[in-house]
Amino acid sequence: MVLPIVVALFCADLSAEGLESKAPKLVAERPNPSGPPTEVAIGVYVLDIANIDDVNQLFSVDLFVDVTWQDPRLAVLEELRTGKNRRVPLEEIWTPRLLIVNDRGLSIHLPRVAEVDDLGNVNTQQRVSGELSTDLLFADFPFDTQVLPIRIVTYSYSADDLHFSLDNQIRGDVESFSAEGWRFRIIGPEFDEFFVPAKDTVWARLTYLIEAERNSQYYVLTMVLPVSLIVLMSWFVFWLPPDVIPSRVAISTASIFSLIAFSLSVRLNLPRVSYLTHADSFLIGCTMLVILALGMVVIGSRWAKTDRMNDALRLNAVARWVYAGLYFLTAIITLMI
């Protein structure tokens, strides 16, 4: 009578330690390999987004990831169930082999273990932090809204062998994110497939999306306002007499050089994209206005030197209001449309 009890307790102890998971098939083969696809549920909690790097198109994240699946092979016999979870190293059991495709330097911070209940439900949790890549679009800069993806695939199993649960969720306190100059909104997950030409395989892909809206007020204060003041400075030449040539030319040329330098400094904060942003269009439009003002100064000065002072004065009077109108038209077209 004593011997069966001892044997039963010994078997229960082995099960509690997860030693049954050392069988090679439990590591190499997915649960029920000839059956329907294995379902994997992934929950992501975004602890923080610390930075968005426009130039290198990277964003820094801190994530808590919760992954769950069911493996009947790890279930405990009904008579041996204790209601307690077992802690099992991930190297000793089958895992869905998950990969974050746009990982550019993530680090893990928790032990690589899983908790398994008596029914074979497996749960593993991990905290990861580092950089992820993203394809940023700058056509609307500085009034742009970017989408920051977290793309997850399983690199060992096709879409016929594994799929992601529709209950996957992403959460986070967007108000607490430390990245300055952005407003965030979490978007629900997207499900699609990822084709790997080298393996001629289609992987299931789960994509979590975070929307980041740039705070344009910063650029209004540091770009739009200073450029407008430079254009205003070039506008002053039309209030000077046409025969005051040195002062008028000096103001116009100083305005041009200031705008060129300003345009270069703005571009340094962006990658080398081949298209124009709203900011580029605004700066180019303002530069053309300043060059136009210089051209009108040259014409007016020449008239003033050739006994056409009345024509030069008339040009000044008309240019004052045409120039101001062109500036506002340029600002509306380049920044608001």
Protein backbone atom coordinates (compact mmCIF):
# COMPACT_ATOMS: atom_id res chain seq x y z
CA MET A 1 0.00 0.00 0.00
CA VAL A 2 2.83 2.38 0.83
CA LEU A 3 4.75 1.75 -2.41
CA PRO A 4 1.98 3.01 -4.82
CA ILE A 5 1.61 6.19 -2.76
CA VAL A 6 5.36 6.87 -2.90
CA VAL A 7 5.42 6.27 -6.65
CA ALA A 8 2.47 8.65 -7.18
CA LEU A 9 4.12 11.39 -5.11
CA PHE A 10 7.39 10.93 -7.00
CA CYS A 11 5.61 11.25 -10.37
CA ALA A 12 3.78 14.38 -9.22
CA ASP A 13 7.08 15.92 -8.14
CA LEU A 14 8.62 15.24 -11.55
CA SER A 15 5.62 16.84 -13.23
CA ALA A 16 5.86 19.91 -10.99
CA GLU A 17 9.47 20.42 -12.00
CA GLY A 18 8.62 20.21 -15.68
CA LEU A 19 11.09 17.42 -16.30
CA GLU A 20 8.71 15.74 -18.73
CA SER A 21 9.37 18.63 -21.15
CA LYS A 22 12.89 17.42 -21.89
CA ALA A 23 11.64 14.99 -24.54
CA PRO A 24 13.02 16.12 -27.96
CA LYS A 25 9.62 16.06 -29.67
CA LEU A 26 8.18 18.44 -27.09
CA VAL A 27 10.78 20.99 -28.17
CA ALA A 28 10.89 20.40 -31.94
CA GLU A 29 7.26 19.64 -32.84
CA ARG A 30 4.31 21.90 -32.32
CA PRO A 31 1.30 20.55 -30.41
CA ASN A 32 -0.84 18.23 -32.55
CA PRO A 33 1.32 18.65 -35.70
CA SER A 34 -1.20 16.91 -37.95
CA GLY A 35 -4.14 18.90 -36.61
CA PRO A 36 -5.38 22.48 -37.02
CA PRO A 37 -3.01 25.44 -36.67
CA THR A 38 -1.74 26.17 -33.19
CA GLU A 39 -3.31 29.37 -31.83
CA VAL A 40 -1.06 31.88 -30.08
CA ALA A 41 -2.36 34.86 -28.12
CA ILE A 42 -0.07 37.86 -27.61
CA GLY A 43 -0.75 40.77 -25.32
CA VAL A 44 1.46 43.85 -25.40
CA TYR A 45 1.54 46.63 -22.83
CA VAL A 46 3.53 49.67 -23.98
CA LEU A 47 5.34 50.96 -20.92
CA ASP A 48 7.00 53.85 -22.73
CA ILE A 49 8.04 55.35 -26.04
CA ALA A 50 11.14 57.34 -25.19
CA ASN A 51 12.15 58.81 -28.53
CA ILE A 52 11.40 58.98 -32.26
CA ASP A 53 14.51 59.43 -34.40
CA ASP A 54 13.42 61.13 -37.64
CA VAL A 55 16.82 60.95 -39.36
CA ASN A 56 17.45 57.23 -38.75
CA GLN A 57 13.73 56.32 -38.76
CA LEU A 58 13.84 54.50 -35.43
CA PHE A 59 11.74 54.70 -32.28
CA SER A 60 12.66 53.56 -28.77
CA VAL A 61 10.16 51.40 -26.91
CA ASP A 62 9.76 49.66 -23.57
CA LEU A 63 7.28 46.76 -23.80
CA PHE A 64 5.80 44.11 -21.55
CA VAL A 65 4.82 41.11 -23.67
CA ASP A 66 2.51 38.27 -22.60
CA VAL A 67 2.36 35.14 -24.84
CA THR A 68 -0.07 32.24 -24.30
CA TRP A 69 -0.72 28.97 -26.11
CA GLN A 70 -2.02 25.47 -25.29
CA ASP A 71 0.15 22.34 -25.36
CA PRO A 72 -1.84 19.21 -24.32
CA ARG A 73 1.41 17.25 -23.99
CA LEU A 74 2.25 19.29 -20.89
CA ALA A 75 -1.07 18.54 -19.19
CA VAL A 76 -0.94 16.63 -15.90
CA LEU A 77 -2.93 13.45 -15.37
CA GLU A 78 -6.20 14.27 -13.68
CA GLU A 79 -5.38 12.29 -10.55
CA LEU A 80 -2.07 14.14 -10.20
CA ARG A 81 -3.33 17.71 -10.66
CA THR A 82 -2.50 20.11 -7.84
CA GLY A 83 -3.94 23.37 -9.22
CA LYS A 84 -0.49 24.97 -9.11
CA ASN A 85 1.46 26.28 -12.09
CA ARG A 86 4.87 24.87 -12.94
CA ARG A 87 7.81 27.06 -13.99
CA VAL A 88 9.58 25.56 -16.99
CA PRO A 89 12.61 26.92 -18.91
CA LEU A 90 11.62 27.87 -22.45
CA GLU A 91 14.49 25.77 -23.83
CA GLU A 92 12.76 22.62 -22.54
CA ILE A 93 9.36 23.05 -24.21
CA TRP A 94 7.90 23.92 -27.59
CA THR A 95 7.55 27.65 -28.23
CA PRO A 96 6.06 29.49 -31.24
CA ARG A 97 9.48 30.97 -32.18
CA LEU A 98 8.33 34.56 -32.28
CA LEU A 99 10.32 37.31 -33.95
CA ILE A 100 9.82 41.08 -34.01
CA VAL A 101 10.67 41.80 -37.65
CA ASN A 102 11.55 45.48 -37.23
CA ASP A 103 13.80 44.85 -34.22
CA ARG A 104 16.95 46.99 -34.37
CA GLY A 105 18.42 46.25 -30.97
CA LEU A 106 15.90 45.01 -28.39
CA SER A 107 17.06 43.66 -25.04
CA ILE A 108 15.19 41.28 -22.71
CA HIS A 109 15.06 41.84 -18.95
CA LEU A 110 13.24 38.84 -17.43
CA PRO A 111 14.17 35.12 -17.13
CA ARG A 112 13.29 32.95 -20.15
CA VAL A 113 10.74 30.76 -18.38
CA ALA A 114 7.10 29.81 -18.84
CA GLU A 115 4.34 28.95 -16.43
CA VAL A 116 2.31 25.82 -17.28
CA ASP A 117 -0.96 24.89 -15.59
CA ASP A 118 -2.39 21.41 -15.10
CA LEU A 119 -4.29 21.56 -18.42
CA GLY A 120 -1.20 22.40 -20.48
CA ASN A 121 -1.91 26.11 -20.92
CA VAL A 122 1.46 27.82 -21.34
CA ASN A 123 2.14 31.46 -20.51
CA THR A 124 5.42 33.33 -20.80
CA GLN A 125 6.04 36.98 -20.01
CA GLN A 126 8.93 39.18 -20.98
CA ARG A 127 9.94 42.81 -20.78
CA VAL A 128 11.82 44.09 -23.83
CA SER A 129 13.27 47.50 -24.58
CA GLY A 130 15.28 49.02 -27.38
CA GLU A 131 14.83 50.37 -30.89
CA LEU A 132 12.42 49.41 -33.66
CA SER A 133 12.55 50.60 -37.24
CA THR A 134 9.71 52.30 -39.07
CA ASP A 135 9.12 53.83 -42.48
CA LEU A 136 8.32 57.46 -41.73
CA LEU A 137 6.61 59.68 -44.30
CA PHE A 138 7.54 63.37 -44.20
CA ALA A 139 5.42 64.89 -46.98
CA ASP A 140 3.23 66.68 -44.39
CA PHE A 141 6.12 67.69 -42.10
CA PRO A 142 5.79 69.50 -39.68
CA PHE A 143 2.07 68.69 -39.55
CA ASP A 144 2.58 64.96 -40.08
CA THR A 145 1.15 61.93 -38.32
CA GLN A 146 3.32 58.81 -38.25
CA VAL A 147 2.47 55.16 -37.64
CA LEU A 148 4.86 53.18 -35.43
CA PRO A 149 4.53 49.41 -36.00
CA ILE A 150 5.45 46.41 -33.86
CA ARG A 151 5.54 43.54 -36.40
CA ILE A 152 5.55 40.02 -34.98
CA VAL A 153 5.95 36.79 -36.99
CA THR A 154 6.80 33.19 -36.20
CA TYR A 155 9.97 32.34 -38.09
CA SER A 156 9.71 28.53 -37.93
CA TYR A 157 6.10 27.84 -38.83
CA SER A 158 3.95 28.68 -41.83
CA ALA A 159 0.52 30.25 -41.64
CA ASP A 160 -0.94 26.73 -42.03
CA ASP A 161 0.77 25.60 -38.82
CA LEU A 162 0.32 28.62 -36.57
CA HIS A 163 -1.97 31.62 -36.41
CA PHE A 164 -2.47 34.48 -34.01
CA SER A 165 -5.55 34.72 -31.83
CA LEU A 166 -8.11 37.41 -32.63
CA ASP A 167 -8.08 38.32 -28.93
CA ASN A 168 -4.61 39.88 -29.11
CA GLN A 169 -4.52 43.27 -27.44
CA ILE A 170 -2.19 46.23 -27.10
CA ARG A 171 -2.53 48.73 -24.29
CA GLY A 172 -0.58 51.55 -22.72
CA ASP A 173 -0.88 54.87 -20.95
CA VAL A 174 -0.12 57.18 -23.88
CA GLU A 175 -0.14 60.25 -21.64
CA SER A 176 2.87 58.92 -19.72
CA PHE A 177 5.12 58.32 -22.74
CA SER A 178 8.33 60.32 -22.36
CA ALA A 179 8.95 61.20 -26.05
CA GLU A 180 8.64 64.97 -26.35
CA GLY A 181 6.88 66.72 -29.22
CA TRP A 182 4.39 63.95 -30.03
CA ARG A 183 0.82 62.94 -29.22
CA PHE A 184 0.18 59.20 -29.23
CA ARG A 185 -2.80 56.95 -29.88
CA ILE A 186 -2.83 53.15 -29.80
CA ILE A 187 -4.49 51.42 -32.75
CA GLY A 188 -5.85 47.87 -32.71
CA PRO A 189 -3.85 44.95 -34.16
CA GLU A 190 -3.73 44.02 -37.84
CA PHE A 191 -3.49 40.44 -39.14
CA ASP A 192 -1.87 39.55 -42.44
CA GLU A 193 0.77 37.26 -43.95
CA PHE A 194 4.49 37.73 -44.53
CA PHE A 195 6.06 36.01 -47.56
CA VAL A 196 9.67 34.85 -47.28
CA PRO A 197 11.07 34.31 -50.81
CA ALA A 198 14.23 32.54 -49.58
CA LYS A 199 12.14 29.80 -47.94
CA ASP A 200 9.13 30.03 -50.25
CA THR A 201 7.03 30.18 -47.10
CA VAL A 202 4.21 32.36 -45.88
CA TRP A 203 4.35 33.29 -42.20
CA ALA A 204 1.46 34.62 -40.16
CA ARG A 205 2.10 38.23 -39.13
CA LEU A 206 0.61 40.27 -36.32
CA THR A 207 1.15 44.02 -36.38
CA TYR A 208 0.44 46.36 -33.51
CA LEU A 209 0.22 50.02 -34.50
CA ILE A 210 0.82 53.19 -32.49
CA GLU A 211 -0.15 56.50 -34.07
CA ALA A 212 2.16 59.44 -33.34
CA GLU A 213 1.03 62.95 -34.22
CA ARG A 214 3.78 65.56 -34.31
CA ASN A 215 3.29 68.64 -32.17
CA SER A 216 3.50 71.36 -34.84
CA GLN A 217 3.47 74.24 -32.36
CA TYR A 218 7.20 73.80 -31.81
CA TYR A 219 7.90 74.26 -35.53
CA VAL A 220 5.54 77.22 -35.77
CA LEU A 221 7.62 78.97 -33.12
CA THR A 222 11.07 77.86 -34.34
CA MET A 223 10.57 77.83 -38.12
CA VAL A 224 7.45 79.58 -39.41
CA LEU A 225 7.79 82.63 -37.15
CA PRO A 226 11.54 83.31 -37.80
CA VAL A 227 11.10 82.81 -41.57
CA SER A 228 8.14 85.18 -41.54
CA LEU A 229 10.28 87.78 -39.79
CA ILE A 230 12.98 87.40 -42.46
CA VAL A 231 10.37 87.89 -45.20
CA LEU A 232 9.06 90.92 -43.28
CA MET A 233 12.59 92.31 -43.20
CA SER A 234 12.86 92.02 -46.99
CA TRP A 235 9.43 93.72 -47.27
CA PHE A 236 10.88 96.84 -45.60
CA VAL A 237 12.88 97.66 -48.75
CA PHE A 238 9.69 98.86 -50.41
CA TRP A 239 9.29 101.52 -47.73
CA LEU A 240 12.71 103.02 -48.45
CA PRO A 241 13.24 105.62 -51.22
CA PRO A 242 14.29 103.97 -54.53
CA ASP A 243 17.52 105.93 -54.63
CA VAL A 244 18.76 104.54 -51.29
CA ILE A 245 20.47 101.74 -53.17
CA PRO A 246 23.08 100.38 -50.70
CA SER A 247 20.62 99.91 -47.84
CA ARG A 248 17.96 98.29 -50.02
CA VAL A 249 20.40 95.84 -51.63
CA ALA A 250 21.99 95.01 -48.27
CA ILE A 251 18.62 94.15 -46.69
CA SER A 252 17.58 91.95 -49.64
CA THR A 253 20.85 90.01 -49.84
CA ALA A 254 20.96 89.52 -46.05
CA SER A 255 17.43 88.09 -46.21
CA ILE A 256 18.41 85.62 -48.94
CA PHE A 257 21.46 84.35 -47.08
CA SER A 258 19.45 84.02 -43.85
CA LEU A 259 16.77 81.92 -45.55
CA ILE A 260 19.30 79.64 -47.25
CA ALA A 261 21.03 78.97 -43.93
CA PHE A 262 17.69 78.39 -42.25
CA SER A 263 16.61 75.91 -44.95
CA LEU A 264 19.79 73.88 -44.49
CA SER A 265 19.34 73.71 -40.72
CA VAL A 266 15.77 72.43 -41.07
CA ARG A 267 16.85 69.73 -43.54
CA LEU A 268 19.49 68.43 -41.11
CA ASN A 269 16.68 67.21 -38.84
CA LEU A 270 15.20 65.00 -41.60
CA PRO A 271 16.46 62.04 -43.62
CA ARG A 272 17.50 62.59 -47.24
CA VAL A 273 14.08 62.07 -48.77
CA SER A 274 13.69 62.87 -52.47
CA TYR A 275 10.36 64.68 -52.16
CA LEU A 276 9.40 68.09 -50.79
CA THR A 277 7.80 68.45 -47.39
CA HIS A 278 5.41 71.25 -46.42
CA ALA A 279 8.33 72.90 -44.64
CA ASP A 280 10.50 72.68 -47.78
CA SER A 281 7.76 74.21 -49.92
CA PHE A 282 7.27 77.02 -47.44
CA LEU A 283 10.99 77.79 -47.26
CA ILE A 284 11.43 77.64 -51.04
CA GLY A 285 8.40 79.88 -51.55
CA CYS A 286 9.73 82.43 -49.06
CA THR A 287 13.19 82.32 -50.65
CA MET A 288 11.67 83.01 -54.07
CA LEU A 289 9.78 85.97 -52.58
CA VAL A 290 12.99 87.44 -51.18
CA ILE A 291 14.74 86.98 -54.54
CA LEU A 292 11.75 88.67 -56.20
CA ALA A 293 12.13 91.57 -53.77
CA LEU A 294 15.82 91.86 -54.70
CA GLY A 295 14.92 91.92 -58.39
CA MET A 296 12.37 94.69 -57.84
CA VAL A 297 14.95 96.64 -55.81
CA VAL A 298 17.39 96.44 -58.72
CA ILE A 299 14.74 97.59 -61.22
CA GLY A 300 13.54 100.43 -58.99
CA SER A 301 17.07 101.60 -58.30
CA ARG A 302 17.90 101.59 -61.99
CA TRP A 303 14.81 103.65 -62.78
CA ALA A 304 15.72 106.08 -60.02
CA LYS A 305 19.16 106.57 -61.59
CA THR A 306 17.75 107.13 -65.12
CA ASP A 307 15.28 109.95 -64.38
CA ARG A 308 12.31 107.58 -63.92
CA MET A 309 11.83 108.35 -60.24
CA ASN A 310 8.03 108.48 -60.58
CA ASP A 311 7.99 104.97 -62.05
CA ALA A 312 10.29 103.77 -59.28
CA LEU A 313 8.02 105.27 -56.60
CA ARG A 314 4.97 103.72 -58.26
CA LEU A 315 6.71 100.32 -58.31
CA ASN A 316 7.47 100.67 -54.61
CA ALA A 317 3.85 101.52 -53.79
CA VAL A 318 2.44 98.58 -55.74
CA ALA A 319 5.09 96.12 -54.55
CA ARG A 320 4.32 96.81 -50.87
CA TRP A 321 0.89 95.20 -51.07
CA VAL A 322 1.50 92.69 -53.83
CA TYR A 323 4.48 91.33 -51.91
CA ALA A 324 2.50 91.04 -48.67
CA GLY A 325 -0.33 89.28 -50.53
CA LEU A 326 2.08 86.85 -52.16
CA TYR A 327 3.55 85.95 -48.77
CA PHE A 328 0.18 85.10 -47.24
CA LEU A 329 -0.78 83.15 -50.35
CA THR A 330 2.49 81.21 -50.17
CA ALA A 331 1.97 80.41 -46.47
CA ILE A 332 -1.59 79.17 -47.04
CA ILE A 333 -0.72 76.99 -50.06
CA THR A 334 2.46 75.46 -48.65
CA LEU A 335 1.42 74.96 -45.02
CA MET A 336 -2.32 74.40 -45.07
CA ILE A 337 -3.10 72.64 -48.34
